[in-house]
Amino acid sequence: MATYDETLVGTTNILSKHVELDRPIRPDDDITNDLGLDSLAVMEVVADIEDHFQINIPEEMLSKITTVADVAHALHDLQTAQATAK
């Protein structure tokens, strides 16, 4: 299971493939407002993240995710729950 920091780095790396910024992606960046991703791009990012981390992000959780840090926290929580369930 990845640590929160490892999850954040992985999330940031995936996002950097989908956005063009002249600065590094920050944890407090809003996915739509700061990174400029529309709903289709967000779904593409979610698919890439799910593939990379081998985890399924529930739809109800997606509606609560707004920042890069939110994504990393959600992934870490899901990985922790998955590891505990085994």
N, C-alpha and C. Protein backbone atom coordinates (compact mmCIF):
# COMPACT_ATOMS: atom_id res chain seq x y z
N MET A 1 0.84 -1.18 0.00
CA MET A 1 0.00 0.00 0.00
C MET A 1 0.89 1.25 0.00
N ALA A 2 0.54 2.19 -0.83
CA ALA A 2 1.30 3.42 -0.94
C ALA A 2 0.97 4.37 0.22
N THR A 3 1.96 5.16 0.60
CA THR A 3 1.72 6.21 1.60
C THR A 3 0.94 7.34 0.93
N TYR A 4 0.44 8.26 1.74
CA TYR A 4 -0.26 9.42 1.18
C TYR A 4 0.67 10.19 0.24
N ASP A 5 1.92 10.40 0.66
CA ASP A 5 2.87 11.16 -0.17
C ASP A 5 3.13 10.46 -1.50
N GLU A 6 3.25 9.14 -1.49
CA GLU A 6 3.45 8.39 -2.73
C GLU A 6 2.21 8.49 -3.62
N THR A 7 1.06 8.45 -3.00
CA THR A 7 -0.19 8.58 -3.74
C THR A 7 -0.30 9.97 -4.36
N LEU A 8 0.11 10.99 -3.61
CA LEU A 8 0.08 12.36 -4.13
C LEU A 8 1.02 12.51 -5.32
N VAL A 9 2.22 11.95 -5.23
CA VAL A 9 3.17 12.03 -6.35
C VAL A 9 2.61 11.31 -7.57
N GLY A 10 2.05 10.12 -7.38
CA GLY A 10 1.46 9.39 -8.49
C GLY A 10 0.32 10.15 -9.13
N THR A 11 -0.53 10.72 -8.31
CA THR A 11 -1.67 11.51 -8.80
C THR A 11 -1.18 12.72 -9.59
N THR A 12 -0.19 13.41 -9.06
CA THR A 12 0.36 14.59 -9.73
C THR A 12 0.98 14.21 -11.07
N ASN A 13 1.70 13.10 -11.10
CA ASN A 13 2.31 12.65 -12.36
C ASN A 13 1.25 12.34 -13.41
N ILE A 14 0.18 11.69 -13.00
CA ILE A 14 -0.90 11.38 -13.95
C ILE A 14 -1.56 12.66 -14.43
N LEU A 15 -1.86 13.57 -13.51
CA LEU A 15 -2.48 14.84 -13.90
C LEU A 15 -1.60 15.64 -14.85
N SER A 16 -0.29 15.60 -14.65
CA SER A 16 0.61 16.38 -15.50
C SER A 16 0.56 15.92 -16.96
N LYS A 17 0.10 14.69 -17.20
CA LYS A 17 -0.04 14.20 -18.57
C LYS A 17 -1.31 14.73 -19.23
N HIS A 18 -2.21 15.27 -18.42
CA HIS A 18 -3.50 15.74 -18.93
C HIS A 18 -3.63 17.26 -18.96
N VAL A 19 -2.72 17.96 -18.32
CA VAL A 19 -2.80 19.43 -18.28
C VAL A 19 -1.49 20.04 -18.75
N GLU A 20 -1.59 21.25 -19.25
CA GLU A 20 -0.40 22.00 -19.65
C GLU A 20 -0.31 23.24 -18.79
N LEU A 21 0.60 23.20 -17.83
CA LEU A 21 0.82 24.33 -16.95
C LEU A 21 2.27 24.77 -17.06
N ASP A 22 2.52 26.04 -16.79
CA ASP A 22 3.90 26.53 -16.78
C ASP A 22 4.45 26.55 -15.36
N ARG A 23 3.85 25.74 -14.50
CA ARG A 23 4.29 25.62 -13.11
C ARG A 23 3.96 24.21 -12.64
N PRO A 24 4.56 23.78 -11.55
CA PRO A 24 4.23 22.45 -11.02
C PRO A 24 2.79 22.40 -10.50
N ILE A 25 2.20 21.23 -10.55
CA ILE A 25 0.86 21.01 -9.99
C ILE A 25 1.01 20.96 -8.48
N ARG A 26 0.12 21.70 -7.79
CA ARG A 26 0.16 21.77 -6.32
C ARG A 26 -1.00 20.98 -5.72
N PRO A 27 -0.83 20.48 -4.50
CA PRO A 27 -1.92 19.74 -3.85
C PRO A 27 -3.21 20.54 -3.70
N ASP A 28 -3.10 21.85 -3.53
CA ASP A 28 -4.31 22.66 -3.34
C ASP A 28 -4.92 23.15 -4.65
N ASP A 29 -4.39 22.72 -5.79
CA ASP A 29 -4.97 23.10 -7.08
C ASP A 29 -6.34 22.47 -7.24
N ASP A 30 -7.31 23.29 -7.62
CA ASP A 30 -8.64 22.79 -7.95
C ASP A 30 -8.56 22.15 -9.34
N ILE A 31 -9.12 20.97 -9.45
CA ILE A 31 -8.98 20.20 -10.68
C ILE A 31 -9.62 20.90 -11.88
N THR A 32 -10.77 21.51 -11.69
CA THR A 32 -11.42 22.18 -12.82
C THR A 32 -11.00 23.65 -12.94
N ASN A 33 -10.98 24.37 -11.84
CA ASN A 33 -10.69 25.80 -11.91
C ASN A 33 -9.21 26.11 -12.15
N ASP A 34 -8.31 25.45 -11.43
CA ASP A 34 -6.88 25.74 -11.57
C ASP A 34 -6.21 24.96 -12.69
N LEU A 35 -6.64 23.70 -12.86
CA LEU A 35 -6.01 22.85 -13.87
C LEU A 35 -6.76 22.87 -15.20
N GLY A 36 -8.00 23.39 -15.18
CA GLY A 36 -8.75 23.57 -16.41
C GLY A 36 -9.31 22.31 -17.03
N LEU A 37 -9.51 21.27 -16.23
CA LEU A 37 -10.05 20.03 -16.78
C LEU A 37 -11.58 20.10 -16.83
N ASP A 38 -12.14 19.74 -17.99
CA ASP A 38 -13.59 19.65 -18.09
C ASP A 38 -14.03 18.26 -17.65
N SER A 39 -15.33 18.00 -17.69
CA SER A 39 -15.84 16.73 -17.16
C SER A 39 -15.31 15.52 -17.92
N LEU A 40 -15.13 15.62 -19.22
CA LEU A 40 -14.57 14.50 -20.00
C LEU A 40 -13.12 14.25 -19.60
N ALA A 41 -12.34 15.32 -19.48
CA ALA A 41 -10.94 15.18 -19.09
C ALA A 41 -10.82 14.60 -17.68
N VAL A 42 -11.72 15.00 -16.79
CA VAL A 42 -11.71 14.46 -15.42
C VAL A 42 -11.95 12.95 -15.46
N MET A 43 -12.88 12.50 -16.29
CA MET A 43 -13.15 11.07 -16.38
C MET A 43 -11.96 10.31 -16.96
N GLU A 44 -11.25 10.93 -17.90
CA GLU A 44 -10.04 10.31 -18.44
C GLU A 44 -8.97 10.20 -17.36
N VAL A 45 -8.82 11.24 -16.55
CA VAL A 45 -7.86 11.21 -15.44
C VAL A 45 -8.25 10.13 -14.44
N VAL A 46 -9.53 10.06 -14.11
CA VAL A 46 -10.00 9.05 -13.16
C VAL A 46 -9.68 7.65 -13.68
N ALA A 47 -9.92 7.41 -14.96
CA ALA A 47 -9.61 6.10 -15.55
C ALA A 47 -8.12 5.79 -15.44
N ASP A 48 -7.28 6.78 -15.73
CA ASP A 48 -5.83 6.58 -15.63
C ASP A 48 -5.41 6.31 -14.19
N ILE A 49 -6.00 7.04 -13.25
CA ILE A 49 -5.67 6.87 -11.84
C ILE A 49 -6.11 5.49 -11.36
N GLU A 50 -7.32 5.08 -11.75
CA GLU A 50 -7.80 3.76 -11.35
C GLU A 50 -6.91 2.66 -11.92
N ASP A 51 -6.49 2.81 -13.16
CA ASP A 51 -5.58 1.82 -13.77
C ASP A 51 -4.24 1.79 -13.05
N HIS A 52 -3.69 2.96 -12.80
CA HIS A 52 -2.37 3.05 -12.17
C HIS A 52 -2.37 2.46 -10.76
N PHE A 53 -3.38 2.81 -9.97
CA PHE A 53 -3.42 2.38 -8.58
C PHE A 53 -4.20 1.08 -8.37
N GLN A 54 -4.76 0.53 -9.47
CA GLN A 54 -5.52 -0.72 -9.39
C GLN A 54 -6.63 -0.64 -8.33
N ILE A 55 -7.42 0.43 -8.43
CA ILE A 55 -8.50 0.67 -7.47
C ILE A 55 -9.67 1.31 -8.19
N ASN A 56 -10.88 1.09 -7.68
CA ASN A 56 -12.07 1.68 -8.26
C ASN A 56 -12.54 2.81 -7.34
N ILE A 57 -12.69 4.00 -7.91
CA ILE A 57 -13.17 5.14 -7.13
C ILE A 57 -14.69 5.19 -7.28
N PRO A 58 -15.42 5.01 -6.17
CA PRO A 58 -16.89 5.04 -6.24
C PRO A 58 -17.41 6.40 -6.72
N GLU A 59 -18.48 6.36 -7.49
CA GLU A 59 -19.08 7.58 -8.06
C GLU A 59 -19.40 8.62 -6.98
N GLU A 60 -19.95 8.17 -5.85
CA GLU A 60 -20.31 9.12 -4.79
C GLU A 60 -19.08 9.82 -4.21
N MET A 61 -17.92 9.17 -4.28
CA MET A 61 -16.69 9.78 -3.79
C MET A 61 -16.21 10.85 -4.77
N LEU A 62 -16.41 10.61 -6.05
CA LEU A 62 -15.96 11.56 -7.08
C LEU A 62 -16.58 12.94 -6.90
N SER A 63 -17.83 12.99 -6.49
CA SER A 63 -18.51 14.27 -6.35
C SER A 63 -17.94 15.12 -5.21
N LYS A 64 -17.19 14.49 -4.31
CA LYS A 64 -16.60 15.21 -3.18
C LYS A 64 -15.15 15.63 -3.43
N ILE A 65 -14.60 15.22 -4.56
CA ILE A 65 -13.20 15.50 -4.87
C ILE A 65 -13.11 16.78 -5.70
N THR A 66 -12.38 17.76 -5.19
CA THR A 66 -12.22 19.01 -5.95
C THR A 66 -10.76 19.38 -6.16
N THR A 67 -9.87 18.99 -5.26
CA THR A 67 -8.46 19.36 -5.39
C THR A 67 -7.59 18.13 -5.62
N VAL A 68 -6.36 18.37 -5.99
CA VAL A 68 -5.39 17.29 -6.18
C VAL A 68 -5.20 16.53 -4.86
N ALA A 69 -5.12 17.25 -3.75
CA ALA A 69 -4.97 16.61 -2.44
C ALA A 69 -6.18 15.74 -2.12
N ASP A 70 -7.38 16.18 -2.52
CA ASP A 70 -8.59 15.37 -2.32
C ASP A 70 -8.46 14.03 -3.02
N VAL A 71 -7.93 14.04 -4.23
CA VAL A 71 -7.75 12.80 -4.98
C VAL A 71 -6.79 11.88 -4.23
N ALA A 72 -5.67 12.42 -3.81
CA ALA A 72 -4.67 11.61 -3.10
C ALA A 72 -5.23 11.06 -1.79
N HIS A 73 -5.96 11.88 -1.05
CA HIS A 73 -6.56 11.41 0.20
C HIS A 73 -7.58 10.30 -0.07
N ALA A 74 -8.41 10.48 -1.08
CA ALA A 74 -9.42 9.46 -1.42
C ALA A 74 -8.75 8.15 -1.81
N LEU A 75 -7.71 8.23 -2.63
CA LEU A 75 -7.00 7.02 -3.03
C LEU A 75 -6.36 6.33 -1.84
N HIS A 76 -5.74 7.11 -0.98
CA HIS A 76 -5.10 6.54 0.20
C HIS A 76 -6.14 5.87 1.09
N ASP A 77 -7.27 6.52 1.29
CA ASP A 77 -8.34 5.94 2.11
C ASP A 77 -8.87 4.65 1.49
N LEU A 78 -9.05 4.64 0.18
CA LEU A 78 -9.54 3.44 -0.50
C LEU A 78 -8.53 2.30 -0.40
N GLN A 79 -7.24 2.62 -0.57
CA GLN A 79 -6.21 1.59 -0.46
C GLN A 79 -6.14 1.03 0.96
N THR A 80 -6.27 1.90 1.94
CA THR A 80 -6.25 1.46 3.33
C THR A 80 -7.44 0.54 3.62
N ALA A 81 -8.61 0.93 3.15
CA ALA A 81 -9.81 0.11 3.35
C ALA A 81 -9.68 -1.23 2.65
N GLN A 82 -9.10 -1.21 1.46
CA GLN A 82 -8.92 -2.44 0.67
C GLN A 82 -7.92 -3.37 1.39
N ALA A 83 -6.85 -2.81 1.91
CA ALA A 83 -5.84 -3.62 2.61
C ALA A 83 -6.41 -4.20 3.91
N THR A 84 -7.24 -3.43 4.59
CA THR A 84 -7.85 -3.87 5.84
C THR A 84 -8.86 -4.98 5.60
N ALA A 85 -9.55 -4.92 4.44
CA ALA A 85 -10.58 -5.91 4.13
C ALA A 85 -9.98 -7.28 3.78
N LYS A 86 -8.72 -7.33 3.45
CA LYS A 86 -8.09 -8.60 3.05
C LYS A 86 -7.72 -9.45 4.24
